[in-house]
Amino acid sequence: MRKLLFAGLAAATLIGAAGVAGAQPVERYGHWDPAWGAAPPPPLAKWHRWRGHEADWYGHVHTCMTHHGYDPRRDAYMDGHRWVTCAD
């Protein structure tokens, strides 16, 4: 009886592990739709305001793309002749 119980538990564990492996991957920087273009680079480590909020990065970039000349590598857009930090 113990062998059957052990075998059943082992099978349930394997099935559960297969379900986790087939799940959608967690996107570290949020959701990026390929229709928006190429995915931007991750936020720079020196940008302290993004620490702990990495999952909001792609949404922020998508919102800031409404500004003409937005550059995600700088997280800024060109306003006339100067770079302005995007704060959505």
PDB file of N, CA and C in Angstrom:
ATOM      1  N   MET A   1       0.826  -1.188   0.000  1.00  0.00           N
ATOM      2  CA  MET A   1       0.000   0.000   0.000  1.00  0.00           C
ATOM      3  C   MET A   1       0.870   1.251   0.000  1.00  0.00           C
ATOM      4  N   ARG A   2       1.966   1.232   0.790  1.00  0.00           N
ATOM      5  CA  ARG A   2       2.867   2.393   0.836  1.00  0.00           C
ATOM      6  C   ARG A   2       3.505   2.638  -0.520  1.00  0.00           C
ATOM      7  N   LYS A   3       3.845   1.551  -1.221  1.00  0.00           N
ATOM      8  CA  LYS A   3       4.463   1.700  -2.539  1.00  0.00           C
ATOM      9  C   LYS A   3       3.507   2.382  -3.506  1.00  0.00           C
ATOM     10  N   LEU A   4       2.236   2.014  -3.468  1.00  0.00           N
ATOM     11  CA  LEU A   4       1.248   2.647  -4.338  1.00  0.00           C
ATOM     12  C   LEU A   4       1.065   4.114  -3.972  1.00  0.00           C
ATOM     13  N   LEU A   5       1.031   4.388  -2.691  1.00  0.00           N
ATOM     14  CA  LEU A   5       0.892   5.765  -2.227  1.00  0.00           C
ATOM     15  C   LEU A   5       2.096   6.601  -2.659  1.00  0.00           C
ATOM     16  N   PHE A   6       3.286   6.019  -2.504  1.00  0.00           N
ATOM     17  CA  PHE A   6       4.506   6.707  -2.900  1.00  0.00           C
ATOM     18  C   PHE A   6       4.531   6.950  -4.406  1.00  0.00           C
ATOM     19  N   ALA A   7       4.121   5.950  -5.195  1.00  0.00           N
ATOM     20  CA  ALA A   7       4.093   6.082  -6.650  1.00  0.00           C
ATOM     21  C   ALA A   7       3.083   7.145  -7.076  1.00  0.00           C
ATOM     22  N   GLY A   8       1.937   7.175  -6.430  1.00  0.00           N
ATOM     23  CA  GLY A   8       0.920   8.188  -6.737  1.00  0.00           C
ATOM     24  C   GLY A   8       1.408   9.586  -6.407  1.00  0.00           C
ATOM     25  N   LEU A   9       2.097   9.743  -5.289  1.00  0.00           N
ATOM     26  CA  LEU A   9       2.642  11.037  -4.893  1.00  0.00           C
ATOM     27  C   LEU A   9       3.733  11.479  -5.863  1.00  0.00           C
ATOM     28  N   ALA A  10       4.579  10.542  -6.262  1.00  0.00           N
ATOM     29  CA  ALA A  10       5.633  10.869  -7.226  1.00  0.00           C
ATOM     30  C   ALA A  10       5.034  11.286  -8.567  1.00  0.00           C
ATOM     31  N   ALA A  11       4.001  10.604  -9.019  1.00  0.00           N
ATOM     32  CA  ALA A  11       3.350  10.953 -10.286  1.00  0.00           C
ATOM     33  C   ALA A  11       2.703  12.329 -10.205  1.00  0.00           C
ATOM     34  N   ALA A  12       2.051  12.627  -9.089  1.00  0.00           N
ATOM     35  CA  ALA A  12       1.422  13.939  -8.920  1.00  0.00           C
ATOM     36  C   ALA A  12       2.469  15.049  -8.923  1.00  0.00           C
ATOM     37  N   THR A  13       3.618  14.790  -8.322  1.00  0.00           N
ATOM     38  CA  THR A  13       4.703  15.772  -8.306  1.00  0.00           C
ATOM     39  C   THR A  13       5.221  16.031  -9.709  1.00  0.00           C
ATOM     40  N   LEU A  14       5.407  14.975 -10.485  1.00  0.00           N
ATOM     41  CA  LEU A  14       5.887  15.136 -11.861  1.00  0.00           C
ATOM     42  C   LEU A  14       4.870  15.880 -12.726  1.00  0.00           C
ATOM     43  N   ILE A  15       3.600  15.574 -12.557  1.00  0.00           N
ATOM     44  CA  ILE A  15       2.562  16.261 -13.329  1.00  0.00           C
ATOM     45  C   ILE A  15       2.531  17.737 -12.947  1.00  0.00           C
ATOM     46  N   GLY A  16       2.656  18.041 -11.677  1.00  0.00           N
ATOM     47  CA  GLY A  16       2.688  19.430 -11.224  1.00  0.00           C
ATOM     48  C   GLY A  16       3.890  20.170 -11.768  1.00  0.00           C
ATOM     49  N   ALA A  17       5.039  19.508 -11.806  1.00  0.00           N
ATOM     50  CA  ALA A  17       6.250  20.137 -12.336  1.00  0.00           C
ATOM     51  C   ALA A  17       6.115  20.394 -13.831  1.00  0.00           C
ATOM     52  N   ALA A  18       5.466  19.485 -14.553  1.00  0.00           N
ATOM     53  CA  ALA A  18       5.258  19.685 -15.988  1.00  0.00           C
ATOM     54  C   ALA A  18       4.309  20.851 -16.224  1.00  0.00           C
ATOM     55  N   GLY A  19       3.323  21.037 -15.363  1.00  0.00           N
ATOM     56  CA  GLY A  19       2.404  22.164 -15.490  1.00  0.00           C
ATOM     57  C   GLY A  19       3.096  23.492 -15.268  1.00  0.00           C
ATOM     58  N   VAL A  20       4.036  23.542 -14.340  1.00  0.00           N
ATOM     59  CA  VAL A  20       4.789  24.768 -14.084  1.00  0.00           C
ATOM     60  C   VAL A  20       5.704  25.079 -15.253  1.00  0.00           C
ATOM     61  N   ALA A  21       6.317  24.050 -15.831  1.00  0.00           N
ATOM     62  CA  ALA A  21       7.227  24.262 -16.958  1.00  0.00           C
ATOM     63  C   ALA A  21       6.470  24.756 -18.183  1.00  0.00           C
ATOM     64  N   GLY A  22       5.225  24.391 -18.351  1.00  0.00           N
ATOM     65  CA  GLY A  22       4.447  24.804 -19.502  1.00  0.00           C
ATOM     66  C   GLY A  22       3.746  26.135 -19.311  1.00  0.00           C
ATOM     67  N   ALA A  23       3.836  26.721 -18.134  1.00  0.00           N
ATOM     68  CA  ALA A  23       3.176  27.995 -17.864  1.00  0.00           C
ATOM     69  C   ALA A  23       3.878  29.129 -18.605  1.00  0.00           C
ATOM     70  N   GLN A  24       3.182  30.242 -18.733  1.00  0.00           N
ATOM     71  CA  GLN A  24       3.757  31.412 -19.380  1.00  0.00           C
ATOM     72  C   GLN A  24       4.952  31.912 -18.571  1.00  0.00           C
ATOM     73  N   PRO A  25       6.021  32.318 -19.244  1.00  0.00           N
ATOM     74  CA  PRO A  25       7.169  32.834 -18.501  1.00  0.00           C
ATOM     75  C   PRO A  25       6.845  34.183 -17.864  1.00  0.00           C
ATOM     76  N   VAL A  26       7.407  34.426 -16.719  1.00  0.00           N
ATOM     77  CA  VAL A  26       7.212  35.702 -16.039  1.00  0.00           C
ATOM     78  C   VAL A  26       8.084  36.731 -16.741  1.00  0.00           C
ATOM     79  N   GLU A  27       7.474  37.815 -17.158  1.00  0.00           N
ATOM     80  CA  GLU A  27       8.210  38.856 -17.848  1.00  0.00           C
ATOM     81  C   GLU A  27       8.740  39.830 -16.804  1.00  0.00           C
ATOM     82  N   ARG A  28      10.036  39.915 -16.701  1.00  0.00           N
ATOM     83  CA  ARG A  28      10.667  40.700 -15.646  1.00  0.00           C
ATOM     84  C   ARG A  28      10.348  42.189 -15.744  1.00  0.00           C
ATOM     85  N   TYR A  29      10.244  42.700 -16.970  1.00  0.00           N
ATOM     86  CA  TYR A  29      10.038  44.138 -17.141  1.00  0.00           C
ATOM     87  C   TYR A  29       8.613  44.481 -17.547  1.00  0.00           C
ATOM     88  N   GLY A  30       7.695  43.557 -17.388  1.00  0.00           N
ATOM     89  CA  GLY A  30       6.317  43.796 -17.766  1.00  0.00           C
ATOM     90  C   GLY A  30       6.026  43.182 -19.120  1.00  0.00           C
ATOM     91  N   HIS A  31       4.939  43.596 -19.731  1.00  0.00           N
ATOM     92  CA  HIS A  31       4.536  43.034 -21.024  1.00  0.00           C
ATOM     93  C   HIS A  31       4.947  43.970 -22.150  1.00  0.00           C
ATOM     94  N   TRP A  32       5.604  43.425 -23.159  1.00  0.00           N
ATOM     95  CA  TRP A  32       5.957  44.180 -24.360  1.00  0.00           C
ATOM     96  C   TRP A  32       5.292  43.506 -25.547  1.00  0.00           C
ATOM     97  N   ASP A  33       4.455  44.253 -26.249  1.00  0.00           N
ATOM     98  CA  ASP A  33       3.767  43.730 -27.428  1.00  0.00           C
ATOM     99  C   ASP A  33       4.679  43.920 -28.638  1.00  0.00           C
ATOM    100  N   PRO A  34       4.994  42.859 -29.378  1.00  0.00           N
ATOM    101  CA  PRO A  34       5.863  42.998 -30.549  1.00  0.00           C
ATOM    102  C   PRO A  34       5.347  43.993 -31.582  1.00  0.00           C
ATOM    103  N   ALA A  35       4.049  44.284 -31.575  1.00  0.00           N
ATOM    104  CA  ALA A  35       3.490  45.263 -32.508  1.00  0.00           C
ATOM    105  C   ALA A  35       4.012  46.676 -32.218  1.00  0.00           C
ATOM    106  N   TRP A  36       4.535  46.910 -31.022  1.00  0.00           N
ATOM    107  CA  TRP A  36       5.061  48.230 -30.659  1.00  0.00           C
ATOM    108  C   TRP A  36       6.456  48.453 -31.227  1.00  0.00           C
ATOM    109  N   GLY A  37       7.059  47.411 -31.750  1.00  0.00           N
ATOM    110  CA  GLY A  37       8.416  47.512 -32.276  1.00  0.00           C
ATOM    111  C   GLY A  37       9.347  46.604 -31.495  1.00  0.00           C
ATOM    112  N   ALA A  38      10.641  46.865 -31.638  1.00  0.00           N
ATOM    113  CA  ALA A  38      11.637  46.055 -30.924  1.00  0.00           C
ATOM    114  C   ALA A  38      11.589  46.382 -29.436  1.00  0.00           C
ATOM    115  N   ALA A  39      11.752  45.348 -28.621  1.00  0.00           N
ATOM    116  CA  ALA A  39      11.736  45.543 -27.168  1.00  0.00           C
ATOM    117  C   ALA A  39      12.905  46.433 -26.753  1.00  0.00           C
ATOM    118  N   PRO A  40      12.657  47.395 -25.867  1.00  0.00           N
ATOM    119  CA  PRO A  40      13.723  48.289 -25.431  1.00  0.00           C
ATOM    120  C   PRO A  40      14.685  47.588 -24.478  1.00  0.00           C
ATOM    121  N   PRO A  41      15.867  48.154 -24.291  1.00  0.00           N
ATOM    122  CA  PRO A  41      16.796  47.568 -23.328  1.00  0.00           C
ATOM    123  C   PRO A  41      16.258  47.751 -21.908  1.00  0.00           C
ATOM    124  N   PRO A  42      16.735  46.961 -20.956  1.00  0.00           N
ATOM    125  CA  PRO A  42      16.269  47.113 -19.570  1.00  0.00           C
ATOM    126  C   PRO A  42      16.723  48.454 -18.995  1.00  0.00           C
ATOM    127  N   PRO A  43      16.087  48.899 -17.919  1.00  0.00           N
ATOM    128  CA  PRO A  43      16.520  50.156 -17.302  1.00  0.00           C
ATOM    129  C   PRO A  43      17.952  50.022 -16.769  1.00  0.00           C
ATOM    130  N   LEU A  44      18.690  51.104 -16.852  1.00  0.00           N
ATOM    131  CA  LEU A  44      20.066  51.083 -16.365  1.00  0.00           C
ATOM    132  C   LEU A  44      20.100  50.919 -14.849  1.00  0.00           C
ATOM    133  N   ALA A  45      21.098  50.250 -14.352  1.00  0.00           N
ATOM    134  CA  ALA A  45      21.229  50.005 -12.909  1.00  0.00           C
ATOM    135  C   ALA A  45      21.383  51.308 -12.135  1.00  0.00           C
ATOM    136  N   LYS A  46      21.939  52.330 -12.767  1.00  0.00           N
ATOM    137  CA  LYS A  46      22.142  53.601 -12.060  1.00  0.00           C
ATOM    138  C   LYS A  46      20.842  54.394 -11.899  1.00  0.00           C
ATOM    139  N   TRP A  47      19.783  53.979 -12.576  1.00  0.00           N
ATOM    140  CA  TRP A  47      18.491  54.639 -12.416  1.00  0.00           C
ATOM    141  C   TRP A  47      17.807  54.064 -11.184  1.00  0.00           C
ATOM    142  N   HIS A  48      18.046  54.633 -10.059  1.00  0.00           N
ATOM    143  CA  HIS A  48      17.574  54.098  -8.775  1.00  0.00           C
ATOM    144  C   HIS A  48      16.051  54.058  -8.670  1.00  0.00           C
ATOM    145  N   ARG A  49      15.369  54.931  -9.374  1.00  0.00           N
ATOM    146  CA  ARG A  49      13.908  54.964  -9.245  1.00  0.00           C
ATOM    147  C   ARG A  49      13.232  53.718  -9.797  1.00  0.00           C
ATOM    148  N   TRP A  50      13.960  52.902 -10.590  1.00  0.00           N
ATOM    149  CA  TRP A  50      13.373  51.689 -11.146  1.00  0.00           C
ATOM    150  C   TRP A  50      13.636  50.466 -10.289  1.00  0.00           C
ATOM    151  N   ARG A  51      14.440  50.600  -9.255  1.00  0.00           N
ATOM    152  CA  ARG A  51      14.694  49.447  -8.378  1.00  0.00           C
ATOM    153  C   ARG A  51      13.413  49.073  -7.647  1.00  0.00           C
ATOM    154  N   GLY A  52      13.051  47.816  -7.789  1.00  0.00           N
ATOM    155  CA  GLY A  52      11.828  47.333  -7.168  1.00  0.00           C
ATOM    156  C   GLY A  52      10.590  47.557  -8.032  1.00  0.00           C
ATOM    157  N   HIS A  53      10.745  48.280  -9.143  1.00  0.00           N
ATOM    158  CA  HIS A  53       9.616  48.554 -10.030  1.00  0.00           C
ATOM    159  C   HIS A  53       9.922  48.122 -11.460  1.00  0.00           C
ATOM    160  N   GLU A  54      10.811  47.152 -11.612  1.00  0.00           N
ATOM    161  CA  GLU A  54      11.215  46.715 -12.951  1.00  0.00           C
ATOM    162  C   GLU A  54      10.042  46.234 -13.790  1.00  0.00           C
ATOM    163  N   ALA A  55       9.020  45.671 -13.155  1.00  0.00           N
ATOM    164  CA  ALA A  55       7.876  45.132 -13.884  1.00  0.00           C
ATOM    165  C   ALA A  55       7.074  46.230 -14.577  1.00  0.00           C
ATOM    166  N   ASP A  56       7.290  47.479 -14.230  1.00  0.00           N
ATOM    167  CA  ASP A  56       6.579  48.598 -14.844  1.00  0.00           C
ATOM    168  C   ASP A  56       7.348  49.222 -15.997  1.00  0.00           C
ATOM    169  N   TRP A  57       8.553  48.740 -16.278  1.00  0.00           N
ATOM    170  CA  TRP A  57       9.426  49.371 -17.264  1.00  0.00           C
ATOM    171  C   TRP A  57       8.827  49.407 -18.670  1.00  0.00           C
ATOM    172  N   TYR A  58       8.366  48.265 -19.183  1.00  0.00           N
ATOM    173  CA  TYR A  58       7.842  48.231 -20.547  1.00  0.00           C
ATOM    174  C   TYR A  58       6.604  49.117 -20.690  1.00  0.00           C
ATOM    175  N   GLY A  59       5.748  49.134 -19.711  1.00  0.00           N
ATOM    176  CA  GLY A  59       4.583  50.015 -19.752  1.00  0.00           C
ATOM    177  C   GLY A  59       4.986  51.476 -19.788  1.00  0.00           C
ATOM    178  N   HIS A  60       5.989  51.826 -19.001  1.00  0.00           N
ATOM    179  CA  HIS A  60       6.511  53.194 -18.980  1.00  0.00           C
ATOM    180  C   HIS A  60       7.057  53.579 -20.349  1.00  0.00           C
ATOM    181  N   VAL A  61       7.859  52.698 -20.940  1.00  0.00           N
ATOM    182  CA  VAL A  61       8.445  52.971 -22.254  1.00  0.00           C
ATOM    183  C   VAL A  61       7.345  53.133 -23.294  1.00  0.00           C
ATOM    184  N   HIS A  62       6.344  52.268 -23.260  1.00  0.00           N
ATOM    185  CA  HIS A  62       5.261  52.364 -24.239  1.00  0.00           C
ATOM    186  C   HIS A  62       4.520  53.687 -24.093  1.00  0.00           C
ATOM    187  N   THR A  63       4.278  54.125 -22.880  1.00  0.00           N
ATOM    188  CA  THR A  63       3.616  55.409 -22.655  1.00  0.00           C
ATOM    189  C   THR A  63       4.483  56.560 -23.155  1.00  0.00           C
ATOM    190  N   CYS A  64       5.774  56.499 -22.885  1.00  0.00           N
ATOM    191  CA  CYS A  64       6.672  57.576 -23.280  1.00  0.00           C
ATOM    192  C   CYS A  64       6.929  57.612 -24.779  1.00  0.00           C
ATOM    193  N   MET A  65       6.631  56.505 -25.475  1.00  0.00           N
ATOM    194  CA  MET A  65       6.816  56.490 -26.920  1.00  0.00           C
ATOM    195  C   MET A  65       5.875  57.463 -27.628  1.00  0.00           C
ATOM    196  N   THR A  66       4.870  57.981 -26.916  1.00  0.00           N
ATOM    197  CA  THR A  66       3.979  58.966 -27.523  1.00  0.00           C
ATOM    198  C   THR A  66       4.710  60.277 -27.780  1.00  0.00           C
ATOM    199  N   HIS A  67       5.800  60.530 -27.055  1.00  0.00           N
ATOM    200  CA  HIS A  67       6.611  61.730 -27.285  1.00  0.00           C
ATOM    201  C   HIS A  67       7.499  61.495 -28.493  1.00  0.00           C
ATOM    202  N   HIS A  68       7.506  62.428 -29.396  1.00  0.00           N
ATOM    203  CA  HIS A  68       8.342  62.313 -30.589  1.00  0.00           C
ATOM    204  C   HIS A  68       9.810  62.352 -30.170  1.00  0.00           C
ATOM    205  N   GLY A  69      10.583  61.411 -30.652  1.00  0.00           N
ATOM    206  CA  GLY A  69      12.014  61.387 -30.364  1.00  0.00           C
ATOM    207  C   GLY A  69      12.379  60.722 -29.051  1.00  0.00           C
ATOM    208  N   TYR A  70      11.480  59.902 -28.500  1.00  0.00           N
ATOM    209  CA  TYR A  70      11.779  59.227 -27.234  1.00  0.00           C
ATOM    210  C   TYR A  70      12.883  58.199 -27.437  1.00  0.00           C
ATOM    211  N   ASP A  71      13.834  58.181 -26.514  1.00  0.00           N
ATOM    212  CA  ASP A  71      14.953  57.229 -26.555  1.00  0.00           C
ATOM    213  C   ASP A  71      14.949  56.434 -25.243  1.00  0.00           C
ATOM    214  N   PRO A  72      14.590  55.122 -25.282  1.00  0.00           N
ATOM    215  CA  PRO A  72      14.528  54.343 -24.040  1.00  0.00           C
ATOM    216  C   PRO A  72      15.899  54.135 -23.393  1.00  0.00           C
ATOM    217  N   ARG A  73      16.983  54.254 -24.144  1.00  0.00           N
ATOM    218  CA  ARG A  73      18.312  54.115 -23.544  1.00  0.00           C
ATOM    219  C   ARG A  73      18.619  55.284 -22.622  1.00  0.00           C
ATOM    220  N   ARG A  74      18.011  56.431 -22.881  1.00  0.00           N
ATOM    221  CA  ARG A  74      18.180  57.615 -22.027  1.00  0.00           C
ATOM    222  C   ARG A  74      16.968  57.838 -21.127  1.00  0.00           C
ATOM    223  N   ASP A  75      15.859  57.178 -21.453  1.00  0.00           N
ATOM    224  CA  ASP A  75      14.569  57.415 -20.814  1.00  0.00           C
ATOM    225  C   ASP A  75      14.228  58.897 -20.893  1.00  0.00           C
ATOM    226  N   ALA A  76      14.445  59.448 -22.084  1.00  0.00           N
ATOM    227  CA  ALA A  76      14.199  60.869 -22.311  1.00  0.00           C
ATOM    228  C   ALA A  76      13.760  61.066 -23.760  1.00  0.00           C
ATOM    229  N   TYR A  77      13.171  62.226 -24.014  1.00  0.00           N
ATOM    230  CA  TYR A  77      12.786  62.584 -25.374  1.00  0.00           C
ATOM    231  C   TYR A  77      13.319  63.977 -25.688  1.00  0.00           C
ATOM    232  N   MET A  78      13.445  64.253 -26.961  1.00  0.00           N
ATOM    233  CA  MET A  78      13.989  65.518 -27.410  1.00  0.00           C
ATOM    234  C   MET A  78      12.874  66.559 -27.473  1.00  0.00           C
ATOM    235  N   ASP A  79      13.058  67.639 -26.754  1.00  0.00           N
ATOM    236  CA  ASP A  79      12.110  68.752 -26.755  1.00  0.00           C
ATOM    237  C   ASP A  79      12.862  69.974 -27.259  1.00  0.00           C
ATOM    238  N   GLY A  80      12.686  70.248 -28.521  1.00  0.00           N
ATOM    239  CA  GLY A  80      13.455  71.329 -29.128  1.00  0.00           C
ATOM    240  C   GLY A  80      14.903  70.900 -29.280  1.00  0.00           C
ATOM    241  N   HIS A  81      15.774  71.514 -28.486  1.00  0.00           N
ATOM    242  CA  HIS A  81      17.202  71.185 -28.552  1.00  0.00           C
ATOM    243  C   HIS A  81      17.723  70.606 -27.236  1.00  0.00           C
ATOM    244  N   ARG A  82      16.832  70.102 -26.394  1.00  0.00           N
ATOM    245  CA  ARG A  82      17.285  69.537 -25.116  1.00  0.00           C
ATOM    246  C   ARG A  82      16.565  68.230 -24.824  1.00  0.00           C
ATOM    247  N   TRP A  83      17.226  67.375 -24.065  1.00  0.00           N
ATOM    248  CA  TRP A  83      16.634  66.103 -23.637  1.00  0.00           C
ATOM    249  C   TRP A  83      15.833  66.323 -22.378  1.00  0.00           C
ATOM    250  N   VAL A  84      14.628  65.795 -22.355  1.00  0.00           N
ATOM    251  CA  VAL A  84      13.740  65.913 -21.202  1.00  0.00           C
ATOM    252  C   VAL A  84      13.445  64.502 -20.703  1.00  0.00           C
ATOM    253  N   THR A  85      13.627  64.264 -19.411  1.00  0.00           N
ATOM    254  CA  THR A  85      13.338  62.952 -18.830  1.00  0.00           C
ATOM    255  C   THR A  85      11.847  62.688 -18.899  1.00  0.00           C
ATOM    256  N   CYS A  86      11.509  61.494 -19.318  1.00  0.00           N
ATOM    257  CA  CYS A  86      10.098  61.124 -19.429  1.00  0.00           C
ATOM    258  C   CYS A  86       9.587  60.697 -18.061  1.00  0.00           C
ATOM    259  N   ALA A  87       8.578  61.365 -17.608  1.00  0.00           N
ATOM    260  CA  ALA A  87       7.912  61.023 -16.338  1.00  0.00           C
ATOM    261  C   ALA A  87       6.445  60.804 -16.656  1.00  0.00           C
ATOM    262  N   ASP A  88       6.055  59.548 -16.773  1.00  0.00           N
ATOM    263  CA  ASP A  88       4.654  59.268 -17.132  1.00  0.00           C
ATOM    264  C   ASP A  88       3.760  59.264 -15.932  1.00  0.00           C
TER     265      ASP A  88
END
